Amino acid sequence: MSIQDRLEKMGVSLPDAPAPAANYVPFVTVDDIVYVSGQISTDENGLILGKLGENMDVEAGAAAARRCAINLLAQVRAACEGDLDRLVRVVKLTGFVNSTAGFTDQPKVINGASDFLVEALGDAGRHARSAVSAASLPLGVAVEIEGIFQIR
């Protein structure tokens, strides 16, 4: 089954790859590795704003992280010239969680992205990962995640 077919079966439609918001490129490909710039938490309604431990719970944060993963795959699809089946595996994610000083469940928040990628890609979605706290994130978003992917 193709990756696109899996996503459709999951009820997920990838958006167009988001354009960069500043002076950077959305991804860089070196040989068979794609480095995707941080993707902020957005959905069809716009930015997903919030601070974990203050006005957002872990479940809502995990949903925001899932949306970041969807945006990451949209960038990978663009890097693969529309052919997402060129994706070999997710290598590493680095997740940033907009959270209070006392919030310690960053890994549970970033699980929203990790769980989605494993569901969508199977073993190819398993990856190395970091989940860290940030005092604030661009535009007040709840989560930002960057990724490294192997393609063919």
C-alpha atoms as a PDB file:
ATOM      1  CA  MET A   1       0.000   0.000   0.000  1.00  0.00           C
ATOM      2  CA  SER A   2       1.372   3.428  -0.904  1.00  0.00           C
ATOM      3  CA  ILE A   3       1.959   6.078   1.743  1.00  0.00           C
ATOM      4  CA  GLN A   4      -0.741   8.208   0.134  1.00  0.00           C
ATOM      5  CA  ASP A   5      -3.190   5.282   0.370  1.00  0.00           C
ATOM      6  CA  ARG A   6      -2.339   4.821   4.073  1.00  0.00           C
ATOM      7  CA  LEU A   7      -2.904   8.497   4.732  1.00  0.00           C
ATOM      8  CA  GLU A   8      -6.243   8.423   2.922  1.00  0.00           C
ATOM      9  CA  LYS A   9      -7.276   5.351   4.924  1.00  0.00           C
ATOM     10  CA  MET A  10      -6.405   7.337   8.083  1.00  0.00           C
ATOM     11  CA  GLY A  11      -8.532  10.253   6.825  1.00  0.00           C
ATOM     12  CA  VAL A  12      -5.475  12.511   6.440  1.00  0.00           C
ATOM     13  CA  SER A  13      -5.039  14.861   3.514  1.00  0.00           C
ATOM     14  CA  LEU A  14      -1.638  16.518   3.319  1.00  0.00           C
ATOM     15  CA  PRO A  15      -1.788  20.283   2.785  1.00  0.00           C
ATOM     16  CA  ASP A  16       0.396  22.059   0.279  1.00  0.00           C
ATOM     17  CA  ALA A  17       3.865  22.437   1.751  1.00  0.00           C
ATOM     18  CA  PRO A  18       3.838  25.591   3.877  1.00  0.00           C
ATOM     19  CA  ALA A  19       5.992  28.427   2.558  1.00  0.00           C
ATOM     20  CA  PRO A  20       8.820  29.716   4.767  1.00  0.00           C
ATOM     21  CA  ALA A  21       7.933  32.692   6.951  1.00  0.00           C
ATOM     22  CA  ALA A  22      11.413  34.252   6.964  1.00  0.00           C
ATOM     23  CA  ASN A  23      14.833  34.042   5.308  1.00  0.00           C
ATOM     24  CA  TYR A  24      15.274  30.264   5.078  1.00  0.00           C
ATOM     25  CA  VAL A  25      14.260  27.387   2.839  1.00  0.00           C
ATOM     26  CA  PRO A  26      11.648  24.826   3.894  1.00  0.00           C
ATOM     27  CA  PHE A  27      13.982  21.886   3.266  1.00  0.00           C
ATOM     28  CA  VAL A  28      17.478  21.036   2.089  1.00  0.00           C
ATOM     29  CA  THR A  29      18.332  17.756   0.387  1.00  0.00           C
ATOM     30  CA  VAL A  30      21.871  16.373   0.641  1.00  0.00           C
ATOM     31  CA  ASP A  31      22.330  13.070  -1.178  1.00  0.00           C
ATOM     32  CA  ASP A  32      19.507  10.883   0.190  1.00  0.00           C
ATOM     33  CA  ILE A  33      18.791  12.953   3.312  1.00  0.00           C
ATOM     34  CA  VAL A  34      16.153  15.693   3.552  1.00  0.00           C
ATOM     35  CA  TYR A  35      16.455  18.205   6.383  1.00  0.00           C
ATOM     36  CA  VAL A  36      13.071  19.831   6.955  1.00  0.00           C
ATOM     37  CA  SER A  37      12.911  23.189   8.718  1.00  0.00           C
ATOM     38  CA  GLY A  38      10.758  23.483  11.815  1.00  0.00           C
ATOM     39  CA  GLN A  39       7.062  23.143  11.079  1.00  0.00           C
ATOM     40  CA  ILE A  40       4.792  25.019  13.461  1.00  0.00           C
ATOM     41  CA  SER A  41       1.447  23.783  14.717  1.00  0.00           C
ATOM     42  CA  THR A  42      -1.207  24.828  12.213  1.00  0.00           C
ATOM     43  CA  ASP A  43      -4.392  23.310  10.908  1.00  0.00           C
ATOM     44  CA  GLU A  44      -7.090  24.288   8.434  1.00  0.00           C
ATOM     45  CA  ASN A  45      -8.221  27.019  10.878  1.00  0.00           C
ATOM     46  CA  GLY A  46      -4.777  28.610  11.213  1.00  0.00           C
ATOM     47  CA  LEU A  47      -2.252  28.651  14.020  1.00  0.00           C
ATOM     48  CA  ILE A  48      -2.617  26.293  16.983  1.00  0.00           C
ATOM     49  CA  LEU A  49      -1.696  28.569  19.866  1.00  0.00           C
ATOM     50  CA  GLY A  50      -1.066  27.775  23.514  1.00  0.00           C
ATOM     51  CA  LYS A  51       1.360  27.141  26.322  1.00  0.00           C
ATOM     52  CA  LEU A  52       1.477  23.674  27.853  1.00  0.00           C
ATOM     53  CA  GLY A  53       1.044  23.799  31.609  1.00  0.00           C
ATOM     54  CA  GLU A  54      -0.785  27.109  31.394  1.00  0.00           C
ATOM     55  CA  ASN A  55      -3.697  27.062  28.938  1.00  0.00           C
ATOM     56  CA  MET A  56      -3.255  23.796  27.029  1.00  0.00           C
ATOM     57  CA  ASP A  57      -3.271  20.180  28.207  1.00  0.00           C
ATOM     58  CA  VAL A  58      -1.130  17.277  26.997  1.00  0.00           C
ATOM     59  CA  GLU A  59      -3.871  15.881  24.750  1.00  0.00           C
ATOM     60  CA  ALA A  60      -4.294  19.199  22.923  1.00  0.00           C
ATOM     61  CA  GLY A  61      -0.504  19.555  22.700  1.00  0.00           C
ATOM     62  CA  ALA A  62      -0.186  16.066  21.201  1.00  0.00           C
ATOM     63  CA  ALA A  63      -2.836  16.985  18.612  1.00  0.00           C
ATOM     64  CA  ALA A  64      -0.787  20.100  17.742  1.00  0.00           C
ATOM     65  CA  ALA A  65       2.342  17.927  17.392  1.00  0.00           C
ATOM     66  CA  ARG A  66       0.426  15.588  15.064  1.00  0.00           C
ATOM     67  CA  ARG A  67      -0.350  18.577  12.851  1.00  0.00           C
ATOM     68  CA  CYS A  68       3.362  19.450  12.779  1.00  0.00           C
ATOM     69  CA  ALA A  69       4.086  15.901  11.570  1.00  0.00           C
ATOM     70  CA  ILE A  70       1.490  16.263   8.814  1.00  0.00           C
ATOM     71  CA  ASN A  71       3.217  19.490   7.723  1.00  0.00           C
ATOM     72  CA  LEU A  72       6.599  17.734   7.836  1.00  0.00           C
ATOM     73  CA  LEU A  73       5.290  15.052   5.450  1.00  0.00           C
ATOM     74  CA  ALA A  74       3.944  17.786   3.162  1.00  0.00           C
ATOM     75  CA  GLN A  75       7.473  19.210   2.957  1.00  0.00           C
ATOM     76  CA  VAL A  76       8.948  15.753   2.304  1.00  0.00           C
ATOM     77  CA  ARG A  77       6.423  15.257  -0.501  1.00  0.00           C
ATOM     78  CA  ALA A  78       7.570  18.573  -2.008  1.00  0.00           C
ATOM     79  CA  ALA A  79      11.222  17.501  -1.655  1.00  0.00           C
ATOM     80  CA  CYS A  80      10.316  14.269  -3.487  1.00  0.00           C
ATOM     81  CA  GLU A  81       8.630  16.201  -6.323  1.00  0.00           C
ATOM     82  CA  GLY A  82       5.208  14.919  -5.316  1.00  0.00           C
ATOM     83  CA  ASP A  83       6.153  11.238  -4.937  1.00  0.00           C
ATOM     84  CA  LEU A  84       5.891  10.502  -1.210  1.00  0.00           C
ATOM     85  CA  ASP A  85       6.705   6.845  -1.889  1.00  0.00           C
ATOM     86  CA  ARG A  86      10.327   7.951  -2.310  1.00  0.00           C
ATOM     87  CA  LEU A  87      10.404   8.331   1.480  1.00  0.00           C
ATOM     88  CA  VAL A  88      12.551   5.551   2.973  1.00  0.00           C
ATOM     89  CA  ARG A  89      12.328   6.432   6.661  1.00  0.00           C
ATOM     90  CA  VAL A  90      12.053   9.111   9.294  1.00  0.00           C
ATOM     91  CA  VAL A  91      15.538   9.492  10.779  1.00  0.00           C
ATOM     92  CA  LYS A  92      15.082  12.050  13.575  1.00  0.00           C
ATOM     93  CA  LEU A  93      12.627  14.578  14.964  1.00  0.00           C
ATOM     94  CA  THR A  94      13.407  17.487  17.232  1.00  0.00           C
ATOM     95  CA  GLY A  95      10.289  18.779  18.962  1.00  0.00           C
ATOM     96  CA  PHE A  96       9.943  22.086  20.761  1.00  0.00           C
ATOM     97  CA  VAL A  97       7.049  22.532  23.175  1.00  0.00           C
ATOM     98  CA  ASN A  98       5.877  25.984  24.263  1.00  0.00           C
ATOM     99  CA  SER A  99       5.581  25.248  27.982  1.00  0.00           C
ATOM    100  CA  THR A 100       5.816  26.640  31.467  1.00  0.00           C
ATOM    101  CA  ALA A 101       8.945  26.132  33.575  1.00  0.00           C
ATOM    102  CA  GLY A 102       7.244  23.429  35.656  1.00  0.00           C
ATOM    103  CA  PHE A 103       5.820  21.436  32.735  1.00  0.00           C
ATOM    104  CA  THR A 104       7.691  18.133  32.293  1.00  0.00           C
ATOM    105  CA  ASP A 105       5.578  16.140  29.810  1.00  0.00           C
ATOM    106  CA  GLN A 106       7.241  17.355  26.600  1.00  0.00           C
ATOM    107  CA  PRO A 107       7.811  13.732  25.465  1.00  0.00           C
ATOM    108  CA  LYS A 108       4.083  12.997  25.796  1.00  0.00           C
ATOM    109  CA  VAL A 109       3.303  16.033  23.654  1.00  0.00           C
ATOM    110  CA  ILE A 110       5.771  15.079  20.901  1.00  0.00           C
ATOM    111  CA  ASN A 111       4.331  11.541  20.979  1.00  0.00           C
ATOM    112  CA  GLY A 112       1.501  13.063  18.944  1.00  0.00           C
ATOM    113  CA  ALA A 113       3.920  13.388  16.022  1.00  0.00           C
ATOM    114  CA  SER A 114       5.788  10.138  16.655  1.00  0.00           C
ATOM    115  CA  ASP A 115       2.628   8.057  16.987  1.00  0.00           C
ATOM    116  CA  PHE A 116       1.195   9.566  13.798  1.00  0.00           C
ATOM    117  CA  LEU A 117       4.350   8.847  11.779  1.00  0.00           C
ATOM    118  CA  VAL A 118       4.496   5.219  12.944  1.00  0.00           C
ATOM    119  CA  GLU A 119       0.797   4.759  12.163  1.00  0.00           C
ATOM    120  CA  ALA A 120       1.220   6.300   8.703  1.00  0.00           C
ATOM    121  CA  LEU A 121       4.585   4.768   7.784  1.00  0.00           C
ATOM    122  CA  GLY A 122       4.934   1.604   9.877  1.00  0.00           C
ATOM    123  CA  ASP A 123       8.504   0.773  10.857  1.00  0.00           C
ATOM    124  CA  ALA A 124       9.789   3.440   8.448  1.00  0.00           C
ATOM    125  CA  GLY A 125       8.167   5.982  10.769  1.00  0.00           C
ATOM    126  CA  ARG A 126      10.221   4.929  13.824  1.00  0.00           C
ATOM    127  CA  HIS A 127      12.863   7.527  14.549  1.00  0.00           C
ATOM    128  CA  ALA A 128      15.366   9.028  16.963  1.00  0.00           C
ATOM    129  CA  ARG A 129      13.933  12.030  18.779  1.00  0.00           C
ATOM    130  CA  SER A 130      14.409  14.934  21.139  1.00  0.00           C
ATOM    131  CA  ALA A 131      11.559  16.696  22.965  1.00  0.00           C
ATOM    132  CA  VAL A 132      12.463  19.969  24.654  1.00  0.00           C
ATOM    133  CA  SER A 133      10.752  22.844  26.369  1.00  0.00           C
ATOM    134  CA  ALA A 134      10.757  26.376  25.013  1.00  0.00           C
ATOM    135  CA  ALA A 135       9.739  29.495  26.936  1.00  0.00           C
ATOM    136  CA  SER A 136       7.989  30.682  23.766  1.00  0.00           C
ATOM    137  CA  LEU A 137       7.708  29.725  20.111  1.00  0.00           C
ATOM    138  CA  PRO A 138       7.119  31.806  16.955  1.00  0.00           C
ATOM    139  CA  LEU A 139       3.726  33.517  16.843  1.00  0.00           C
ATOM    140  CA  GLY A 140       2.756  31.857  20.141  1.00  0.00           C
ATOM    141  CA  VAL A 141       2.268  28.390  18.611  1.00  0.00           C
ATOM    142  CA  ALA A 142       2.127  25.395  20.924  1.00  0.00           C
ATOM    143  CA  VAL A 143       4.610  23.136  19.096  1.00  0.00           C
ATOM    144  CA  GLU A 144       7.333  23.290  16.451  1.00  0.00           C
ATOM    145  CA  ILE A 145       9.032  20.186  15.049  1.00  0.00           C
ATOM    146  CA  GLU A 146      11.923  19.805  12.614  1.00  0.00           C
ATOM    147  CA  GLY A 147      12.813  16.541  10.944  1.00  0.00           C
ATOM    148  CA  ILE A 148      15.439  14.556   9.109  1.00  0.00           C
ATOM    149  CA  PHE A 149      14.253  12.035   6.508  1.00  0.00           C
ATOM    150  CA  GLN A 150      15.902   9.513   4.197  1.00  0.00           C
ATOM    151  CA  ILE A 151      14.603   9.341   0.623  1.00  0.00           C
ATOM    152  CA  ARG A 152      15.494   7.419  -2.521  1.00  0.00           C
END
